[in-house]
Amino acid sequence: MVKADLHVHTAYSIDSASPLEQIIARCLEVGINCLAIADHGTIAGALKLKEMAPFTIIVAEEILTPCGEIMGLFLSQEIPNKLPIKEAIARIKAQDGLVCIPHPYDRLRLWAFRNKELEIIMPQVDILEVFNSRSLSSRSSSKAWRLAHKYGKLTSAGSDAHRPSEIGHAYIEMPEFNGKDEFLASLAKGKVFGHRSNPLVHFASTWARLKEHLSQEKSSC
């Protein structure tokens, strides 16, 4: 069986400071043997980690659109932020990727999909993230489960880790797979496990984002 944490960030994300080597060490420590690396606006970290890791890495990306954040999985090409939602989805599909909605209904995230906007794109969605360790309220998870059932969509879970210590806080236990098609069949048989992270992890992400911003300002002087 595979224990897959399907939403993890690396130091290639602006709000994360997780070195690739530490991500591998954490996975080996806690028994996670599959990661979807979904950095913000880039697949560079995922591609690099895929070369390094002794376990399965799914190349993914968390993409910011004017309507909210979506996630592409099994990508081969980077997709820029701020595209219209229809174009972002089309670019994921054009490279035979999967469309996942991360942390839907999360009231504390400005760019979480919810309500009307989410219902509009559901026919094009492949997967709904129904458990995210960084979502503070169980209500968002309950609503995501109901929506997935309503539309017959596959479900996923992820720690949304921005630090190595968060990896494995949520995962899917599922049969082994090889490639996108087998992944879908395996995910349909998966079971969600997880717990919520300490809310203080959000401060660590804010600090990482601030440091990156300050570093960019200094380099432009």
Protein backbone atom coordinates (compact mmCIF):
# COMPACT_ATOMS: atom_id res chain seq x y z
CA MET A 1 0.00 0.00 0.00
CA VAL A 2 1.00 3.61 -0.58
CA LYS A 3 0.74 6.38 2.02
CA ALA A 4 0.36 9.48 -0.14
CA ASP A 5 0.45 13.04 1.17
CA LEU A 6 -1.10 14.79 -1.82
CA HIS A 7 -0.39 18.43 -1.00
CA VAL A 8 3.14 19.42 0.03
CA HIS A 9 5.27 22.54 -0.56
CA THR A 10 9.03 22.92 -0.83
CA ALA A 11 11.43 25.84 -0.51
CA TYR A 12 10.56 26.62 -4.13
CA SER A 13 7.26 28.06 -2.81
CA ILE A 14 7.44 31.68 -1.71
CA ASP A 15 5.88 30.85 1.69
CA SER A 16 7.81 27.67 2.46
CA ALA A 17 11.30 26.99 3.73
CA SER A 18 11.43 23.20 3.36
CA PRO A 19 14.74 21.98 1.88
CA LEU A 20 14.33 19.01 -0.43
CA GLU A 21 16.73 16.86 1.58
CA GLN A 22 14.72 17.44 4.77
CA ILE A 23 11.49 16.56 2.99
CA ILE A 24 12.95 13.19 1.99
CA ALA A 25 14.24 12.56 5.52
CA ARG A 26 10.84 13.38 7.05
CA CYS A 27 9.03 11.03 4.67
CA LEU A 28 11.39 8.17 5.46
CA GLU A 29 10.92 8.88 9.18
CA VAL A 30 7.10 8.79 9.16
CA GLY A 31 6.51 6.23 6.41
CA ILE A 32 5.13 8.52 3.70
CA ASN A 33 6.12 6.99 0.37
CA CYS A 34 4.33 9.23 -2.11
CA LEU A 35 4.11 13.02 -2.33
CA ALA A 36 2.31 15.43 -4.61
CA ILE A 37 4.61 18.45 -4.65
CA ALA A 38 2.36 21.44 -5.35
CA ASP A 39 4.46 24.57 -5.03
CA HIS A 40 2.90 27.95 -5.73
CA GLY A 41 3.35 28.91 -9.37
CA THR A 42 6.24 26.54 -10.16
CA ILE A 43 7.04 22.87 -10.80
CA ALA A 44 10.82 23.32 -10.46
CA GLY A 45 10.96 21.92 -6.93
CA ALA A 46 8.77 18.96 -7.83
CA LEU A 47 10.95 18.07 -10.82
CA LYS A 48 14.12 18.31 -8.74
CA LEU A 49 12.68 16.24 -5.88
CA LYS A 50 11.51 13.60 -8.37
CA GLU A 51 15.15 13.12 -9.34
CA MET A 52 16.26 12.82 -5.71
CA ALA A 53 13.57 10.93 -3.82
CA PRO A 54 13.59 7.13 -3.36
CA PHE A 55 9.79 7.11 -3.53
CA THR A 56 7.02 8.37 -5.82
CA ILE A 57 6.78 12.09 -6.54
CA ILE A 58 3.77 13.48 -8.39
CA VAL A 59 4.67 16.71 -10.16
CA ALA A 60 1.94 19.18 -9.25
CA GLU A 61 1.42 22.92 -8.97
CA GLU A 62 -0.88 25.18 -6.97
CA ILE A 63 -2.06 27.83 -9.43
CA LEU A 64 -3.61 31.14 -8.46
CA THR A 65 -6.46 32.29 -10.71
CA PRO A 66 -8.70 35.34 -10.30
CA CYS A 67 -11.43 32.99 -9.04
CA GLY A 68 -9.34 30.96 -6.60
CA GLU A 69 -6.54 28.41 -6.31
CA ILE A 70 -6.56 25.18 -8.27
CA MET A 71 -4.06 22.36 -8.36
CA GLY A 72 -2.76 20.54 -11.39
CA LEU A 73 -1.34 17.04 -10.93
CA PHE A 74 0.87 14.97 -13.27
CA LEU A 75 2.18 18.08 -14.98
CA SER A 76 5.07 18.34 -17.39
CA GLN A 77 4.91 22.09 -17.99
CA GLU A 78 4.59 24.99 -15.57
CA ILE A 79 1.36 27.02 -15.67
CA PRO A 80 1.56 30.73 -14.83
CA ASN A 81 -0.50 32.33 -12.09
CA LYS A 82 -3.32 34.81 -12.73
CA LEU A 83 -4.70 33.11 -15.83
CA PRO A 84 -8.50 33.02 -16.17
CA ILE A 85 -9.81 29.87 -14.50
CA LYS A 86 -10.99 28.33 -17.78
CA GLU A 87 -7.58 28.80 -19.38
CA ALA A 88 -5.74 27.39 -16.36
CA ILE A 89 -7.93 24.28 -16.43
CA ALA A 90 -7.47 23.97 -20.19
CA ARG A 91 -3.68 24.09 -19.79
CA ILE A 92 -3.79 21.34 -17.15
CA LYS A 93 -5.95 19.16 -19.39
CA ALA A 94 -3.80 19.90 -22.46
CA GLN A 95 -0.85 18.14 -20.83
CA ASP A 96 -3.03 15.23 -19.69
CA GLY A 97 -3.00 16.43 -16.09
CA LEU A 98 -5.63 16.22 -13.39
CA VAL A 99 -7.55 19.14 -11.89
CA CYS A 100 -7.83 19.16 -8.09
CA ILE A 101 -9.44 21.80 -5.89
CA PRO A 102 -7.37 22.35 -2.73
CA HIS A 103 -8.92 23.38 0.59
CA PRO A 104 -12.41 24.21 -0.76
CA TYR A 105 -14.73 26.27 1.46
CA ASP A 106 -11.89 27.31 3.77
CA ARG A 107 -13.16 30.65 5.12
CA LEU A 108 -9.74 31.77 6.34
CA ARG A 109 -8.10 31.58 2.91
CA LEU A 110 -8.81 34.41 0.53
CA TRP A 111 -8.21 32.24 -2.52
CA ALA A 112 -10.19 29.14 -1.54
CA PHE A 113 -12.98 28.17 -3.91
CA ARG A 114 -16.45 28.14 -2.44
CA ASN A 115 -20.15 28.12 -3.24
CA LYS A 116 -21.22 29.43 -6.67
CA GLU A 117 -17.75 29.67 -8.23
CA LEU A 118 -16.97 26.11 -7.23
CA GLU A 119 -20.24 24.70 -8.53
CA ILE A 120 -19.61 26.30 -11.94
CA ILE A 121 -16.30 24.49 -12.53
CA MET A 122 -17.21 21.14 -10.93
CA PRO A 123 -17.85 19.37 -14.27
CA GLN A 124 -14.18 19.96 -15.16
CA VAL A 125 -12.78 18.96 -11.77
CA ASP A 126 -11.25 15.49 -11.28
CA ILE A 127 -10.50 15.53 -7.55
CA LEU A 128 -11.66 17.42 -4.47
CA GLU A 129 -9.35 17.79 -1.48
CA VAL A 130 -11.65 16.84 1.40
CA PHE A 131 -9.08 17.03 4.21
CA ASN A 132 -6.35 19.64 4.53
CA SER A 133 -4.38 19.70 7.77
CA ARG A 134 -4.01 23.48 7.64
CA SER A 135 -7.76 24.09 7.43
CA LEU A 136 -8.80 25.05 10.93
CA SER A 137 -12.49 24.17 10.73
CA SER A 138 -14.01 20.72 10.20
CA ARG A 139 -16.97 22.40 8.54
CA SER A 140 -15.05 22.99 5.30
CA SER A 141 -14.13 19.29 5.15
CA SER A 142 -17.74 18.25 5.68
CA LYS A 143 -18.94 20.51 2.87
CA ALA A 144 -16.19 19.21 0.56
CA TRP A 145 -17.20 15.61 1.24
CA ARG A 146 -20.83 16.41 0.42
CA LEU A 147 -19.88 18.19 -2.80
CA ALA A 148 -17.68 15.29 -3.90
CA HIS A 149 -20.55 12.87 -3.28
CA LYS A 150 -23.00 15.13 -5.15
CA TYR A 151 -20.85 15.20 -8.29
CA GLY A 152 -19.30 11.75 -7.96
CA LYS A 153 -15.76 13.11 -7.72
CA LEU A 154 -12.66 11.42 -6.33
CA THR A 155 -11.34 12.72 -3.02
CA SER A 156 -7.86 13.49 -1.72
CA ALA A 157 -6.10 14.64 1.42
CA GLY A 158 -2.90 16.49 2.13
CA SER A 159 -0.96 18.10 4.93
CA ASP A 160 -0.41 21.29 2.87
CA ALA A 161 2.99 21.15 4.57
CA HIS A 162 5.16 24.23 4.35
CA ARG A 163 7.67 22.77 6.83
CA PRO A 164 9.07 19.21 6.88
CA SER A 165 7.55 18.51 10.32
CA GLU A 166 4.03 18.90 8.88
CA ILE A 167 4.42 16.18 6.24
CA GLY A 168 2.22 13.19 6.99
CA HIS A 169 -0.33 15.10 9.06
CA ALA A 170 -2.78 13.99 6.36
CA TYR A 171 -2.51 11.31 3.71
CA ILE A 172 -4.38 8.78 1.60
CA GLU A 173 -3.67 5.09 2.08
CA MET A 174 -4.18 3.56 -1.34
CA PRO A 175 -2.99 0.68 -3.55
CA GLU A 176 0.27 1.10 -5.43
CA PHE A 177 0.04 2.72 -8.84
CA ASN A 178 2.10 3.59 -11.87
CA GLY A 179 1.09 6.68 -13.80
CA LYS A 180 -2.00 8.86 -13.93
CA ASP A 181 -4.60 6.28 -14.96
CA GLU A 182 -3.57 3.79 -12.29
CA PHE A 183 -3.45 6.66 -9.78
CA LEU A 184 -7.11 7.44 -10.43
CA ALA A 185 -8.13 3.81 -9.99
CA SER A 186 -6.05 3.55 -6.83
CA LEU A 187 -7.36 6.82 -5.39
CA ALA A 188 -10.91 5.52 -5.79
CA LYS A 189 -9.99 2.77 -3.32
CA GLY A 190 -8.11 5.06 -0.94
CA LYS A 191 -8.86 5.91 2.66
CA VAL A 192 -8.27 9.31 4.27
CA PHE A 193 -6.18 9.63 7.42
CA GLY A 194 -5.08 12.78 9.17
CA HIS A 195 -5.26 15.40 11.88
CA ARG A 196 -5.17 19.18 11.92
CA SER A 197 -1.89 21.02 12.27
CA ASN A 198 -1.24 23.54 15.02
CA PRO A 199 -2.65 26.90 13.85
CA LEU A 200 0.75 28.47 14.55
CA VAL A 201 2.09 26.89 11.35
CA HIS A 202 0.40 29.71 9.44
CA PHE A 203 2.69 32.24 11.15
CA ALA A 204 5.72 30.30 9.91
CA SER A 205 4.41 30.56 6.35
CA THR A 206 3.79 34.29 6.72
CA TRP A 207 7.33 34.77 8.02
CA ALA A 208 8.78 32.77 5.11
CA ARG A 209 6.84 34.89 2.64
CA LEU A 210 8.01 38.10 4.33
CA LYS A 211 11.66 37.00 4.25
CA GLU A 212 11.38 36.20 0.55
CA HIS A 213 9.81 39.59 -0.11
CA LEU A 214 12.55 41.40 1.81
CA SER A 215 15.22 39.39 0.00
CA GLN A 216 13.80 40.37 -3.37
CA GLU A 217 13.65 44.04 -2.38
CA LYS A 218 17.28 43.95 -1.25
CA SER A 219 18.46 42.29 -4.46
CA SER A 220 16.74 44.97 -6.54
CA CYS A 221 18.51 47.84 -4.77
